[in-house]
Structure formats: C-alpha cells, structure tokens
Protein backbone atom coordinates (compact mmCIF):
# COMPACT_ATOMS: atom_id res chain seq x y z
CA MET A 1 49.81 -21.85 -11.02
CA LEU A 2 50.46 -20.02 -8.13
CA PHE A 3 51.49 -15.74 -8.02
CA SER A 4 54.87 -16.44 -6.69
CA GLU A 5 55.71 -19.32 -8.92
CA MET A 6 54.41 -16.64 -11.93
CA LEU A 7 56.92 -14.40 -10.64
CA ASP A 8 59.42 -16.60 -10.49
CA ARG A 9 59.27 -17.50 -14.12
CA GLY A 10 57.80 -14.20 -15.84
CA GLN A 11 60.00 -12.67 -18.46
CA ASP A 12 62.14 -10.10 -17.19
CA GLY A 13 61.00 -7.06 -19.19
CA ALA A 14 57.55 -8.41 -19.51
CA VAL A 15 54.57 -6.20 -17.43
CA ALA A 16 54.06 -8.43 -14.12
CA ILE A 17 51.45 -5.41 -11.99
CA VAL A 18 50.09 -2.55 -13.14
CA ASP A 19 49.06 -0.01 -10.46
CA SER A 20 47.90 3.67 -9.93
CA ARG A 21 51.86 4.61 -10.39
CA GLY A 22 52.26 2.53 -13.99
CA SER A 23 53.90 -0.91 -14.40
CA VAL A 24 56.19 -2.85 -13.08
CA ALA A 25 58.02 -5.61 -14.99
CA TYR A 26 59.12 -9.08 -13.27
CA GLY A 27 62.79 -8.03 -13.15
CA GLU A 28 61.99 -5.25 -11.45
CA PHE A 29 59.48 -7.01 -9.22
CA ARG A 30 62.19 -9.79 -8.01
CA ALA A 31 64.40 -7.47 -7.49
CA ALA A 32 63.10 -5.37 -4.92
CA VAL A 33 61.48 -8.05 -3.80
CA ALA A 34 65.10 -9.83 -2.89
CA GLY A 35 65.77 -6.38 -1.76
CA PHE A 36 63.32 -6.02 0.66
CA ALA A 37 64.02 -9.86 1.98
CA ALA A 38 67.29 -8.94 2.35
CA ARG A 39 66.50 -6.11 4.56
CA LEU A 40 64.22 -7.69 6.53
CA HIS A 41 67.38 -10.13 7.52
CA SER A 42 69.66 -7.86 8.48
CA MET A 43 67.39 -5.92 10.39
CA GLY A 44 66.79 -9.14 12.54
CA LEU A 45 63.84 -10.87 11.17
CA ALA A 46 63.82 -14.98 11.77
CA LYS A 47 61.96 -17.49 10.20
CA GLY A 48 58.40 -17.65 11.83
CA ASP A 49 58.35 -13.22 13.17
CA ARG A 50 55.35 -11.47 12.24
CA VAL A 51 55.84 -8.52 10.31
CA ALA A 52 53.37 -6.35 10.37
CA LEU A 53 51.68 -4.67 6.59
CA TRP A 54 49.75 -1.21 6.55
CA GLY A 55 49.25 0.07 3.57
CA TYR A 56 46.70 0.35 0.67
CA ASN A 57 47.23 -1.88 -2.42
CA SER A 58 49.91 -1.06 -4.81
CA ALA A 59 52.84 -2.61 -6.25
CA ASN A 60 54.74 -1.38 -3.48
CA TRP A 61 52.32 -3.82 -1.04
CA LEU A 62 53.00 -6.90 -3.08
CA VAL A 63 56.83 -6.51 -3.08
CA ALA A 64 56.53 -6.38 0.67
CA PHE A 65 54.26 -8.98 1.15
CA PHE A 66 56.21 -11.42 -1.22
CA ALA A 67 59.77 -10.52 0.46
CA ILE A 68 58.15 -11.22 4.17
CA VAL A 69 57.21 -14.68 2.88
CA ARG A 70 60.32 -15.16 1.20
CA ALA A 71 62.29 -14.04 4.07
CA GLY A 72 60.49 -16.23 6.19
CA GLY A 73 57.99 -14.22 8.23
CA VAL A 74 54.35 -14.03 8.56
CA ALA A 75 53.41 -11.49 7.10
CA LEU A 76 50.16 -10.17 8.76
CA LEU A 77 48.24 -7.88 7.25
CA VAL A 78 46.17 -4.71 8.83
CA ASN A 79 43.53 -3.33 7.08
CA TYR A 80 44.16 0.24 6.04
CA SER A 81 41.45 1.58 7.38
CA MET A 82 41.67 0.21 10.58
CA GLY A 83 41.79 2.33 13.66
CA VAL A 84 44.87 3.75 15.95
CA ASP A 85 43.36 1.20 18.92
CA ASP A 86 42.18 -1.55 16.32
CA ALA A 87 45.63 -1.40 15.29
CA ALA A 88 47.80 -1.15 18.12
CA THR A 89 45.40 -4.03 19.69
CA LEU A 90 45.78 -6.51 16.98
CA LEU A 91 49.63 -5.48 16.70
CA ARG A 92 50.23 -6.62 20.44
CA THR A 93 48.13 -9.25 20.33
CA ALA A 94 49.84 -10.78 17.80
CA ASN A 95 53.32 -10.06 18.80
CA ALA A 96 54.36 -8.66 15.31
CA ARG A 97 57.48 -7.67 15.38
CA PHE A 98 58.84 -5.54 12.44
CA PRO A 99 55.93 -2.51 10.71
CA GLN A 100 55.77 -1.95 7.51
CA THR A 101 53.63 1.18 6.37
CA SER A 102 53.24 2.80 3.53
CA SER A 103 53.40 6.49 3.08
CA GLN A 104 49.89 7.02 3.31
CA SER A 105 49.89 5.25 6.34
CA MET A 106 52.74 6.44 8.13
CA ARG A 107 50.49 8.86 10.03
CA MET A 108 48.69 6.37 11.39
CA ALA A 109 51.66 4.15 12.39
CA GLY A 110 53.08 7.61 14.19
CA CYS A 111 50.15 7.05 16.56
CA ILE A 112 50.69 3.56 17.43
CA ARG A 113 54.35 4.05 18.09
CA GLY A 114 53.82 5.05 21.51
CA ILE A 115 51.12 2.52 22.33
CA TRP A 116 52.52 -0.15 20.56
CA GLY A 117 56.48 0.82 21.48
CA PHE A 118 58.17 1.63 18.28
C-alpha cells in the first residue's frame, strides 16, 4: 500500500507520523495537507507547476510534499545542506515557481531571494 493511500484510510485519531516534535494523527495530517494544498491553489498554483521544497525532514515537510502533489504541483526536492549558489542554479534551471522552506532553511532562502528574483 502506498503511503498516500494509508493517509486516506487511516483513522483520524491514530498516529500517522512521529518526528522530533511529537506525533501527528491521520486526521490532523489530512487537514494540514488539504489546507496547504488550498493555500497553494489560492497563490495561483497550476497543474504541473514546480514547487521547491527546501527543509529538514519533519512532519511539516511531509505535509508540504503531499499538499504540493495533491494540488497538482511537482515537488522539487532541494537538499537542505545545498549551498546558496547551487540551490539558486537548481531552482532557476527547474523553473520552480513556489519556494517553500522550513524555518531552518529561511536564512538560506533569503540569500536566494536576490539571486533567484523572489
């Protein structure tokens, strides 16, 4: 069974994910994915748009990944330890429209803003 199928079938109160901050139940996870997917749509995400996902592994990273896919976007996974110049090149080359970062990656994303035009 695919993880996305497990998310759809999991009981609302059952634990779906455990990370360093604690656990997230299936119901909470589904709601977070739906909310973020709706936010991406409201920002103008169109089917096939590339969304750069730059951050550490966490429940929030998984929410963002599944929201991007469910919203019709293509998740462009950026290694959180990648240097600014390499990341900017990757994002430009891939023509990513929507950068999404974790709070830990925001400093790096701020450096890219000037290089990448965000």
